[in-house]
């Protein structure tokens, strides 16, 4: 099961240049406090960033998992932020990246 033995956490260049630190930190917080040890996580998980009355909603999903989990944040929604993020776990090295960066 992925995301159980974290050895390091990273954010790709695309993420660091398109999202503020508080959004990145919120993704790690959601993984640690809502997903880890609750849902069997695959090595690649996905998050959608959407507008909810001017604030950001982060929705988790993964392949072959029927449910989704949404968390409303008190962070203002900015339409220029990427709408989709991936988080990849490679043997404990966890990285947030844009979908286009996965296959680079």
PDB file of N, CA and C in Angstrom:
ATOM      1  N   UNK A   1       0.847  -1.178   0.000  1.00  0.00           N
ATOM      2  CA  UNK A   1       0.000   0.000   0.000  1.00  0.00           C
ATOM      3  C   UNK A   1       0.892   1.241   0.000  1.00  0.00           C
ATOM      4  N   UNK A   2       0.600   2.172  -0.883  1.00  0.00           N
ATOM      5  CA  UNK A   2       1.394   3.388  -1.023  1.00  0.00           C
ATOM      6  C   UNK A   2       1.087   4.398   0.082  1.00  0.00           C
ATOM      7  N   UNK A   3       1.949   5.360   0.224  1.00  0.00           N
ATOM      8  CA  UNK A   3       1.808   6.474   1.158  1.00  0.00           C
ATOM      9  C   UNK A   3       1.804   6.026   2.618  1.00  0.00           C
ATOM     10  N   UNK A   4       2.532   4.976   2.919  1.00  0.00           N
ATOM     11  CA  UNK A   4       2.605   4.530   4.312  1.00  0.00           C
ATOM     12  C   UNK A   4       3.994   4.712   4.909  1.00  0.00           C
ATOM     13  N   UNK A   5       5.036   4.731   4.087  1.00  0.00           N
ATOM     14  CA  UNK A   5       6.411   4.870   4.576  1.00  0.00           C
ATOM     15  C   UNK A   5       7.094   6.062   3.910  1.00  0.00           C
ATOM     16  N   UNK A   6       6.669   7.243   4.291  1.00  0.00           N
ATOM     17  CA  UNK A   6       7.188   8.462   3.681  1.00  0.00           C
ATOM     18  C   UNK A   6       8.654   8.675   4.056  1.00  0.00           C
ATOM     19  N   UNK A   7       9.501   8.833   3.025  1.00  0.00           N
ATOM     20  CA  UNK A   7      10.911   9.145   3.260  1.00  0.00           C
ATOM     21  C   UNK A   7      11.247  10.575   2.834  1.00  0.00           C
ATOM     22  N   UNK A   8      10.419  11.166   1.985  1.00  0.00           N
ATOM     23  CA  UNK A   8      10.635  12.532   1.544  1.00  0.00           C
ATOM     24  C   UNK A   8       9.425  13.035   0.791  1.00  0.00           C
ATOM     25  N   UNK A   9       9.241  14.336   0.831  1.00  0.00           N
ATOM     26  CA  UNK A   9       8.106  14.951   0.127  1.00  0.00           C
ATOM     27  C   UNK A   9       8.624  16.096  -0.735  1.00  0.00           C
ATOM     28  N   UNK A  10       8.076  16.142  -1.951  1.00  0.00           N
ATOM     29  CA  UNK A  10       8.566  17.103  -2.930  1.00  0.00           C
ATOM     30  C   UNK A  10       7.399  17.678  -3.721  1.00  0.00           C
ATOM     31  N   UNK A  11       7.658  18.792  -4.366  1.00  0.00           N
ATOM     32  CA  UNK A  11       6.709  19.389  -5.299  1.00  0.00           C
ATOM     33  C   UNK A  11       7.487  19.690  -6.576  1.00  0.00           C
ATOM     34  N   UNK A  12       6.903  19.372  -7.705  1.00  0.00           N
ATOM     35  CA  UNK A  12       7.554  19.588  -8.987  1.00  0.00           C
ATOM     36  C   UNK A  12       7.678  21.086  -9.282  1.00  0.00           C
ATOM     37  N   UNK A  13       8.478  21.401 -10.277  1.00  0.00           N
ATOM     38  CA  UNK A  13       8.644  22.791 -10.709  1.00  0.00           C
ATOM     39  C   UNK A  13       7.297  23.389 -11.123  1.00  0.00           C
ATOM     40  N   UNK A  14       6.492  22.616 -11.854  1.00  0.00           N
ATOM     41  CA  UNK A  14       5.185  23.094 -12.298  1.00  0.00           C
ATOM     42  C   UNK A  14       4.260  23.419 -11.143  1.00  0.00           C
ATOM     43  N   UNK A  15       4.317  22.633 -10.095  1.00  0.00           N
ATOM     44  CA  UNK A  15       3.484  22.877  -8.913  1.00  0.00           C
ATOM     45  C   UNK A  15       3.980  24.102  -8.160  1.00  0.00           C
ATOM     46  N   UNK A  16       5.278  24.173  -7.921  1.00  0.00           N
ATOM     47  CA  UNK A  16       5.843  25.276  -7.146  1.00  0.00           C
ATOM     48  C   UNK A  16       5.615  26.618  -7.834  1.00  0.00           C
ATOM     49  N   UNK A  17       5.610  26.617  -9.163  1.00  0.00           N
ATOM     50  CA  UNK A  17       5.428  27.882  -9.880  1.00  0.00           C
ATOM     51  C   UNK A  17       3.960  28.221 -10.147  1.00  0.00           C
ATOM     52  N   UNK A  18       3.035  27.305  -9.842  1.00  0.00           N
ATOM     53  CA  UNK A  18       1.626  27.586 -10.127  1.00  0.00           C
ATOM     54  C   UNK A  18       0.717  27.585  -8.900  1.00  0.00           C
ATOM     55  N   UNK A  19       1.227  27.155  -7.749  1.00  0.00           N
ATOM     56  CA  UNK A  19       0.413  27.113  -6.527  1.00  0.00           C
ATOM     57  C   UNK A  19       1.173  27.718  -5.351  1.00  0.00           C
ATOM     58  N   UNK A  20       0.473  28.429  -4.476  1.00  0.00           N
ATOM     59  CA  UNK A  20       1.141  28.930  -3.276  1.00  0.00           C
ATOM     60  C   UNK A  20       1.389  27.794  -2.278  1.00  0.00           C
ATOM     61  N   UNK A  21       2.302  28.038  -1.366  1.00  0.00           N
ATOM     62  CA  UNK A  21       2.682  27.027  -0.381  1.00  0.00           C
ATOM     63  C   UNK A  21       1.534  26.521   0.464  1.00  0.00           C
ATOM     64  N   UNK A  22       0.570  27.392   0.794  1.00  0.00           N
ATOM     65  CA  UNK A  22      -0.528  26.933   1.648  1.00  0.00           C
ATOM     66  C   UNK A  22      -1.420  25.910   0.940  1.00  0.00           C
ATOM     67  N   UNK A  23      -1.518  25.975  -0.379  1.00  0.00           N
ATOM     68  CA  UNK A  23      -2.291  24.964  -1.112  1.00  0.00           C
ATOM     69  C   UNK A  23      -1.515  23.645  -1.126  1.00  0.00           C
ATOM     70  N   UNK A  24      -0.217  23.721  -1.382  1.00  0.00           N
ATOM     71  CA  UNK A  24       0.626  22.512  -1.371  1.00  0.00           C
ATOM     72  C   UNK A  24       0.572  21.860   0.007  1.00  0.00           C
ATOM     73  N   UNK A  25       0.726  22.658   1.047  1.00  0.00           N
ATOM     74  CA  UNK A  25       0.656  22.123   2.417  1.00  0.00           C
ATOM     75  C   UNK A  25      -0.705  21.495   2.701  1.00  0.00           C
ATOM     76  N   UNK A  26      -1.768  22.067   2.146  1.00  0.00           N
ATOM     77  CA  UNK A  26      -3.110  21.515   2.348  1.00  0.00           C
ATOM     78  C   UNK A  26      -3.254  20.134   1.714  1.00  0.00           C
ATOM     79  N   UNK A  27      -2.630  19.930   0.565  1.00  0.00           N
ATOM     80  CA  UNK A  27      -2.665  18.598  -0.072  1.00  0.00           C
ATOM     81  C   UNK A  27      -2.002  17.572   0.843  1.00  0.00           C
ATOM     82  N   UNK A  28      -0.816  17.901   1.371  1.00  0.00           N
ATOM     83  CA  UNK A  28      -0.145  16.966   2.294  1.00  0.00           C
ATOM     84  C   UNK A  28      -0.996  16.740   3.547  1.00  0.00           C
ATOM     85  N   UNK A  29      -1.631  17.782   4.052  1.00  0.00           N
ATOM     86  CA  UNK A  29      -2.485  17.655   5.232  1.00  0.00           C
ATOM     87  C   UNK A  29      -3.656  16.711   4.955  1.00  0.00           C
ATOM     88  N   UNK A  30      -4.283  16.848   3.799  1.00  0.00           N
ATOM     89  CA  UNK A  30      -5.405  15.970   3.439  1.00  0.00           C
ATOM     90  C   UNK A  30      -4.934  14.522   3.351  1.00  0.00           C
ATOM     91  N   UNK A  31      -3.792  14.302   2.738  1.00  0.00           N
ATOM     92  CA  UNK A  31      -3.259  12.933   2.646  1.00  0.00           C
ATOM     93  C   UNK A  31      -3.023  12.371   4.045  1.00  0.00           C
ATOM     94  N   UNK A  32      -2.350  13.137   4.893  1.00  0.00           N
ATOM     95  CA  UNK A  32      -1.987  12.651   6.230  1.00  0.00           C
ATOM     96  C   UNK A  32      -3.177  12.463   7.159  1.00  0.00           C
ATOM     97  N   UNK A  33      -4.174  13.338   7.063  1.00  0.00           N
ATOM     98  CA  UNK A  33      -5.242  13.339   8.055  1.00  0.00           C
ATOM     99  C   UNK A  33      -6.581  12.780   7.598  1.00  0.00           C
ATOM    100  N   UNK A  34      -6.759  12.629   6.290  1.00  0.00           N
ATOM    101  CA  UNK A  34      -8.035  12.118   5.788  1.00  0.00           C
ATOM    102  C   UNK A  34      -7.896  10.832   4.967  1.00  0.00           C
ATOM    103  N   UNK A  35      -6.720  10.576   4.427  1.00  0.00           N
ATOM    104  CA  UNK A  35      -6.572   9.444   3.510  1.00  0.00           C
ATOM    105  C   UNK A  35      -5.679   8.326   4.046  1.00  0.00           C
ATOM    106  N   UNK A  36      -4.493   8.692   4.515  1.00  0.00           N
ATOM    107  CA  UNK A  36      -3.523   7.708   4.994  1.00  0.00           C
ATOM    108  C   UNK A  36      -4.136   6.845   6.091  1.00  0.00           C
ATOM    109  N   UNK A  37      -3.978   5.547   5.979  1.00  0.00           N
ATOM    110  CA  UNK A  37      -4.463   4.572   6.955  1.00  0.00           C
ATOM    111  C   UNK A  37      -5.991   4.523   7.046  1.00  0.00           C
ATOM    112  N   UNK A  38      -6.681   5.206   6.125  1.00  0.00           N
ATOM    113  CA  UNK A  38      -8.140   5.163   6.076  1.00  0.00           C
ATOM    114  C   UNK A  38      -8.581   4.499   4.782  1.00  0.00           C
ATOM    115  N   UNK A  39      -7.955   4.892   3.689  1.00  0.00           N
ATOM    116  CA  UNK A  39      -8.268   4.374   2.356  1.00  0.00           C
ATOM    117  C   UNK A  39      -7.012   3.691   1.826  1.00  0.00           C
ATOM    118  N   UNK A  40      -7.124   2.499   1.262  1.00  0.00           N
ATOM    119  CA  UNK A  40      -5.936   1.888   0.636  1.00  0.00           C
ATOM    120  C   UNK A  40      -5.532   2.710  -0.592  1.00  0.00           C
ATOM    121  N   UNK A  41      -4.429   3.405  -0.489  1.00  0.00           N
ATOM    122  CA  UNK A  41      -4.005   4.314  -1.544  1.00  0.00           C
ATOM    123  C   UNK A  41      -3.104   3.624  -2.555  1.00  0.00           C
ATOM    124  N   UNK A  42      -3.314   3.961  -3.802  1.00  0.00           N
ATOM    125  CA  UNK A  42      -2.461   3.489  -4.884  1.00  0.00           C
ATOM    126  C   UNK A  42      -1.245   4.408  -4.978  1.00  0.00           C
ATOM    127  N   UNK A  43      -0.296   4.061  -5.817  1.00  0.00           N
ATOM    128  CA  UNK A  43       0.934   4.855  -5.903  1.00  0.00           C
ATOM    129  C   UNK A  43       0.731   6.187  -6.625  1.00  0.00           C
ATOM    130  N   UNK A  44      -0.374   6.340  -7.346  1.00  0.00           N
ATOM    131  CA  UNK A  44      -0.717   7.624  -7.966  1.00  0.00           C
ATOM    132  C   UNK A  44      -2.139   7.981  -7.554  1.00  0.00           C
ATOM    133  N   UNK A  45      -2.284   9.137  -6.899  1.00  0.00           N
ATOM    134  CA  UNK A  45      -3.606   9.613  -6.525  1.00  0.00           C
ATOM    135  C   UNK A  45      -3.827  10.979  -7.178  1.00  0.00           C
ATOM    136  N   UNK A  46      -5.084  11.348  -7.309  1.00  0.00           N
ATOM    137  CA  UNK A  46      -5.434  12.558  -8.049  1.00  0.00           C
ATOM    138  C   UNK A  46      -6.234  13.508  -7.171  1.00  0.00           C
ATOM    139  N   UNK A  47      -6.038  14.796  -7.392  1.00  0.00           N
ATOM    140  CA  UNK A  47      -6.813  15.827  -6.715  1.00  0.00           C
ATOM    141  C   UNK A  47      -7.326  16.822  -7.747  1.00  0.00           C
ATOM    142  N   UNK A  48      -8.577  17.232  -7.586  1.00  0.00           N
ATOM    143  CA  UNK A  48      -9.186  18.286  -8.399  1.00  0.00           C
ATOM    144  C   UNK A  48      -9.307  19.520  -7.515  1.00  0.00           C
ATOM    145  N   UNK A  49      -9.013  20.681  -8.067  1.00  0.00           N
ATOM    146  CA  UNK A  49      -9.207  21.948  -7.366  1.00  0.00           C
ATOM    147  C   UNK A  49     -10.371  22.656  -8.036  1.00  0.00           C
ATOM    148  N   UNK A  50     -11.427  22.936  -7.266  1.00  0.00           N
ATOM    149  CA  UNK A  50     -12.622  23.552  -7.836  1.00  0.00           C
ATOM    150  C   UNK A  50     -13.068  24.744  -6.993  1.00  0.00           C
ATOM    151  N   UNK A  51     -13.909  25.551  -7.610  1.00  0.00           N
ATOM    152  CA  UNK A  51     -14.439  26.751  -6.982  1.00  0.00           C
ATOM    153  C   UNK A  51     -15.725  26.412  -6.233  1.00  0.00           C
ATOM    154  N   UNK A  52     -15.778  26.787  -4.972  1.00  0.00           N
ATOM    155  CA  UNK A  52     -16.976  26.609  -4.164  1.00  0.00           C
ATOM    156  C   UNK A  52     -17.268  27.949  -3.485  1.00  0.00           C
ATOM    157  N   UNK A  53     -18.063  28.776  -4.168  1.00  0.00           N
ATOM    158  CA  UNK A  53     -18.441  30.088  -3.646  1.00  0.00           C
ATOM    159  C   UNK A  53     -17.221  30.947  -3.328  1.00  0.00           C
ATOM    160  N   UNK A  54     -16.244  30.915  -4.220  1.00  0.00           N
ATOM    161  CA  UNK A  54     -15.064  31.738  -4.058  1.00  0.00           C
ATOM    162  C   UNK A  54     -13.950  31.122  -3.239  1.00  0.00           C
ATOM    163  N   UNK A  55     -14.215  29.983  -2.619  1.00  0.00           N
ATOM    164  CA  UNK A  55     -13.198  29.255  -1.840  1.00  0.00           C
ATOM    165  C   UNK A  55     -12.837  27.966  -2.579  1.00  0.00           C
ATOM    166  N   UNK A  56     -11.724  27.392  -2.206  1.00  0.00           N
ATOM    167  CA  UNK A  56     -11.237  26.194  -2.889  1.00  0.00           C
ATOM    168  C   UNK A  56     -11.792  24.915  -2.262  1.00  0.00           C
ATOM    169  N   UNK A  57     -12.226  24.003  -3.115  1.00  0.00           N
ATOM    170  CA  UNK A  57     -12.564  22.649  -2.703  1.00  0.00           C
ATOM    171  C   UNK A  57     -11.564  21.716  -3.363  1.00  0.00           C
ATOM    172  N   UNK A  58     -11.000  20.808  -2.572  1.00  0.00           N
ATOM    173  CA  UNK A  58     -10.040  19.821  -3.055  1.00  0.00           C
ATOM    174  C   UNK A  58     -10.731  18.462  -3.011  1.00  0.00           C
ATOM    175  N   UNK A  59     -10.769  17.779  -4.157  1.00  0.00           N
ATOM    176  CA  UNK A  59     -11.433  16.479  -4.234  1.00  0.00           C
ATOM    177  C   UNK A  59     -10.421  15.405  -4.607  1.00  0.00           C
ATOM    178  N   UNK A  60     -10.341  14.380  -3.761  1.00  0.00           N
ATOM    179  CA  UNK A  60      -9.456  13.231  -3.973  1.00  0.00           C
ATOM    180  C   UNK A  60     -10.171  12.168  -4.775  1.00  0.00           C
ATOM    181  N   UNK A  61      -9.443  11.525  -5.672  1.00  0.00           N
ATOM    182  CA  UNK A  61      -9.942  10.328  -6.348  1.00  0.00           C
ATOM    183  C   UNK A  61      -8.740   9.487  -6.766  1.00  0.00           C
ATOM    184  N   UNK A  62      -9.013   8.240  -7.089  1.00  0.00           N
ATOM    185  CA  UNK A  62      -7.976   7.368  -7.621  1.00  0.00           C
ATOM    186  C   UNK A  62      -8.625   6.296  -8.481  1.00  0.00           C
ATOM    187  N   UNK A  63      -7.824   5.735  -9.361  1.00  0.00           N
ATOM    188  CA  UNK A  63      -8.306   4.724 -10.301  1.00  0.00           C
ATOM    189  C   UNK A  63      -8.863   3.511  -9.548  1.00  0.00           C
ATOM    190  N   UNK A  64      -9.985   3.004 -10.017  1.00  0.00           N
ATOM    191  CA  UNK A  64     -10.661   1.819  -9.467  1.00  0.00           C
ATOM    192  C   UNK A  64     -11.154   2.019  -8.039  1.00  0.00           C
ATOM    193  N   UNK A  65     -11.375   3.257  -7.651  1.00  0.00           N
ATOM    194  CA  UNK A  65     -11.951   3.562  -6.340  1.00  0.00           C
ATOM    195  C   UNK A  65     -13.234   4.326  -6.591  1.00  0.00           C
ATOM    196  N   UNK A  66     -14.353   3.770  -6.143  1.00  0.00           N
ATOM    197  CA  UNK A  66     -15.666   4.300  -6.490  1.00  0.00           C
ATOM    198  C   UNK A  66     -16.003   5.617  -5.811  1.00  0.00           C
ATOM    199  N   UNK A  67     -15.421   5.866  -4.664  1.00  0.00           N
ATOM    200  CA  UNK A  67     -15.778   7.045  -3.880  1.00  0.00           C
ATOM    201  C   UNK A  67     -14.798   8.186  -4.123  1.00  0.00           C
ATOM    202  N   UNK A  68     -15.217   9.358  -3.740  1.00  0.00           N
ATOM    203  CA  UNK A  68     -14.353  10.536  -3.765  1.00  0.00           C
ATOM    204  C   UNK A  68     -14.485  11.220  -2.408  1.00  0.00           C
ATOM    205  N   UNK A  69     -13.493  11.992  -2.065  1.00  0.00           N
ATOM    206  CA  UNK A  69     -13.511  12.732  -0.811  1.00  0.00           C
ATOM    207  C   UNK A  69     -13.220  14.190  -1.133  1.00  0.00           C
ATOM    208  N   UNK A  70     -14.104  15.086  -0.716  1.00  0.00           N
ATOM    209  CA  UNK A  70     -13.909  16.512  -0.949  1.00  0.00           C
ATOM    210  C   UNK A  70     -13.693  17.223   0.370  1.00  0.00           C
ATOM    211  N   UNK A  71     -12.763  18.166   0.353  1.00  0.00           N
ATOM    212  CA  UNK A  71     -12.459  18.966   1.531  1.00  0.00           C
ATOM    213  C   UNK A  71     -12.548  20.430   1.119  1.00  0.00           C
ATOM    214  N   UNK A  72     -13.376  21.180   1.823  1.00  0.00           N
ATOM    215  CA  UNK A  72     -13.493  22.613   1.574  1.00  0.00           C
ATOM    216  C   UNK A  72     -12.421  23.335   2.379  1.00  0.00           C
ATOM    217  N   UNK A  73     -11.675  24.202   1.696  1.00  0.00           N
ATOM    218  CA  UNK A  73     -10.627  24.975   2.344  1.00  0.00           C
ATOM    219  C   UNK A  73     -11.056  26.428   2.451  1.00  0.00           C
ATOM    220  N   UNK A  74     -10.463  27.139   3.357  1.00  0.00           N
ATOM    221  CA  UNK A  74     -10.728  28.572   3.502  1.00  0.00           C
ATOM    222  C   UNK A  74      -9.774  29.399   2.638  1.00  0.00           C
ATOM    223  N   UNK A  75      -9.161  28.764   1.673  1.00  0.00           N
ATOM    224  CA  UNK A  75      -8.237  29.419   0.751  1.00  0.00           C
ATOM    225  C   UNK A  75      -9.043  29.936  -0.441  1.00  0.00           C
ATOM    226  N   UNK A  76      -8.849  31.194  -0.817  1.00  0.00           N
ATOM    227  CA  UNK A  76      -9.579  31.717  -1.981  1.00  0.00           C
ATOM    228  C   UNK A  76      -9.254  30.915  -3.244  1.00  0.00           C
ATOM    229  N   UNK A  77     -10.280  30.674  -4.041  1.00  0.00           N
ATOM    230  CA  UNK A  77     -10.088  29.980  -5.315  1.00  0.00           C
ATOM    231  C   UNK A  77      -9.556  30.977  -6.343  1.00  0.00           C
ATOM    232  N   UNK A  78      -8.531  30.575  -7.048  1.00  0.00           N
ATOM    233  CA  UNK A  78      -7.943  31.395  -8.109  1.00  0.00           C
ATOM    234  C   UNK A  78      -8.050  30.593  -9.405  1.00  0.00           C
ATOM    235  N   UNK A  79      -8.769  31.100 -10.397  1.00  0.00           N
ATOM    236  CA  UNK A  79      -8.972  30.337 -11.636  1.00  0.00           C
ATOM    237  C   UNK A  79      -7.683  29.997 -12.388  1.00  0.00           C
ATOM    238  N   UNK A  80      -6.606  30.689 -12.110  1.00  0.00           N
ATOM    239  CA  UNK A  80      -5.336  30.398 -12.781  1.00  0.00           C
ATOM    240  C   UNK A  80      -4.619  29.188 -12.202  1.00  0.00           C
ATOM    241  N   UNK A  81      -5.044  28.715 -11.046  1.00  0.00           N
ATOM    242  CA  UNK A  81      -4.438  27.513 -10.468  1.00  0.00           C
ATOM    243  C   UNK A  81      -4.767  26.313 -11.351  1.00  0.00           C
ATOM    244  N   UNK A  82      -3.895  25.315 -11.379  1.00  0.00           N
ATOM    245  CA  UNK A  82      -4.225  24.106 -12.146  1.00  0.00           C
ATOM    246  C   UNK A  82      -5.461  23.428 -11.557  1.00  0.00           C
ATOM    247  N   UNK A  83      -6.269  22.831 -12.414  1.00  0.00           N
ATOM    248  CA  UNK A  83      -7.495  22.186 -11.929  1.00  0.00           C
ATOM    249  C   UNK A  83      -7.246  20.750 -11.466  1.00  0.00           C
ATOM    250  N   UNK A  84      -6.165  20.152 -11.908  1.00  0.00           N
ATOM    251  CA  UNK A  84      -5.880  18.759 -11.557  1.00  0.00           C
ATOM    252  C   UNK A  84      -4.424  18.615 -11.125  1.00  0.00           C
ATOM    253  N   UNK A  85      -4.211  17.860 -10.047  1.00  0.00           N
ATOM    254  CA  UNK A  85      -2.881  17.552  -9.531  1.00  0.00           C
ATOM    255  C   UNK A  85      -2.764  16.050  -9.343  1.00  0.00           C
ATOM    256  N   UNK A  86      -1.560  15.547  -9.428  1.00  0.00           N
ATOM    257  CA  UNK A  86      -1.284  14.156  -9.102  1.00  0.00           C
ATOM    258  C   UNK A  86      -0.287  14.128  -7.959  1.00  0.00           C
ATOM    259  N   UNK A  87      -0.386  13.103  -7.134  1.00  0.00           N
ATOM    260  CA  UNK A  87       0.621  12.859  -6.117  1.00  0.00           C
ATOM    261  C   UNK A  87       1.086  11.430  -6.322  1.00  0.00           C
ATOM    262  N   UNK A  88       2.399  11.285  -6.470  1.00  0.00           N
ATOM    263  CA  UNK A  88       3.001   9.998  -6.791  1.00  0.00           C
ATOM    264  C   UNK A  88       3.868   9.556  -5.621  1.00  0.00           C
ATOM    265  N   UNK A  89       3.747   8.287  -5.244  1.00  0.00           N
ATOM    266  CA  UNK A  89       4.602   7.694  -4.215  1.00  0.00           C
ATOM    267  C   UNK A  89       5.503   6.660  -4.890  1.00  0.00           C
ATOM    268  N   UNK A  90       6.798   6.932  -4.892  1.00  0.00           N
ATOM    269  CA  UNK A  90       7.787   5.980  -5.413  1.00  0.00           C
ATOM    270  C   UNK A  90       8.632   5.516  -4.249  1.00  0.00           C
ATOM    271  N   UNK A  91       8.229   4.427  -3.639  1.00  0.00           N
ATOM    272  CA  UNK A  91       8.947   3.810  -2.521  1.00  0.00           C
ATOM    273  C   UNK A  91       9.236   4.809  -1.398  1.00  0.00           C
ATOM    274  N   UNK A  92       8.237   5.593  -1.044  1.00  0.00           N
ATOM    275  CA  UNK A  92       8.351   6.522   0.066  1.00  0.00           C
ATOM    276  C   UNK A  92       8.687   7.943  -0.332  1.00  0.00           C
ATOM    277  N   UNK A  93       9.161   8.135  -1.542  1.00  0.00           N
ATOM    278  CA  UNK A  93       9.434   9.474  -2.054  1.00  0.00           C
ATOM    279  C   UNK A  93       8.159   9.984  -2.721  1.00  0.00           C
ATOM    280  N   UNK A  94       7.513  10.955  -2.087  1.00  0.00           N
ATOM    281  CA  UNK A  94       6.206  11.439  -2.529  1.00  0.00           C
ATOM    282  C   UNK A  94       6.343  12.801  -3.200  1.00  0.00           C
ATOM    283  N   UNK A  95       5.726  12.942  -4.374  1.00  0.00           N
ATOM    284  CA  UNK A  95       5.850  14.169  -5.151  1.00  0.00           C
ATOM    285  C   UNK A  95       4.495  14.616  -5.667  1.00  0.00           C
ATOM    286  N   UNK A  96       4.194  15.903  -5.472  1.00  0.00           N
ATOM    287  CA  UNK A  96       3.016  16.514  -6.086  1.00  0.00           C
ATOM    288  C   UNK A  96       3.461  17.052  -7.434  1.00  0.00           C
ATOM    289  N   UNK A  97       2.688  16.754  -8.485  1.00  0.00           N
ATOM    290  CA  UNK A  97       3.041  17.238  -9.807  1.00  0.00           C
ATOM    291  C   UNK A  97       1.819  17.450 -10.663  1.00  0.00           C
ATOM    292  N   UNK A  98       2.019  18.152 -11.755  1.00  0.00           N
ATOM    293  CA  UNK A  98       0.951  18.355 -12.724  1.00  0.00           C
ATOM    294  C   UNK A  98       0.846  17.100 -13.608  1.00  0.00           C
ATOM    295  N   UNK A  99      -0.336  16.777 -14.086  1.00  0.00           N
ATOM    296  CA  UNK A  99      -0.485  15.565 -14.924  1.00  0.00           C
ATOM    297  C   UNK A  99       0.491  15.524 -16.103  1.00  0.00           C
ATOM    298  N   UNK A 100       0.745  16.675 -16.741  1.00  0.00           N
ATOM    299  CA  UNK A 100       1.682  16.713 -17.871  1.00  0.00           C
ATOM    300  C   UNK A 100       3.107  16.371 -17.478  1.00  0.00           C
ATOM    301  N   UNK A 101       3.457  16.561 -16.201  1.00  0.00           N
ATOM    302  CA  UNK A 101       4.815  16.304 -15.747  1.00  0.00           C
ATOM    303  C   UNK A 101       5.064  14.826 -15.436  1.00  0.00           C
ATOM    304  N   UNK A 102       4.023  14.052 -15.338  1.00  0.00           N
ATOM    305  CA  UNK A 102       4.175  12.644 -14.975  1.00  0.00           C
ATOM    306  C   UNK A 102       4.975  11.865 -16.013  1.00  0.00           C
ATOM    307  N   UNK A 103       4.793  12.170 -17.250  1.00  0.00           N
ATOM    308  CA  UNK A 103       5.417  11.391 -18.315  1.00  0.00           C
ATOM    309  C   UNK A 103       6.586  12.110 -18.978  1.00  0.00           C
ATOM    310  N   UNK A 104       7.136  13.092 -18.310  1.00  0.00           N
ATOM    311  CA  UNK A 104       8.279  13.825 -18.883  1.00  0.00           C
ATOM    312  C   UNK A 104       9.554  13.033 -18.706  1.00  0.00           C
TER     313      UNK A 104
END
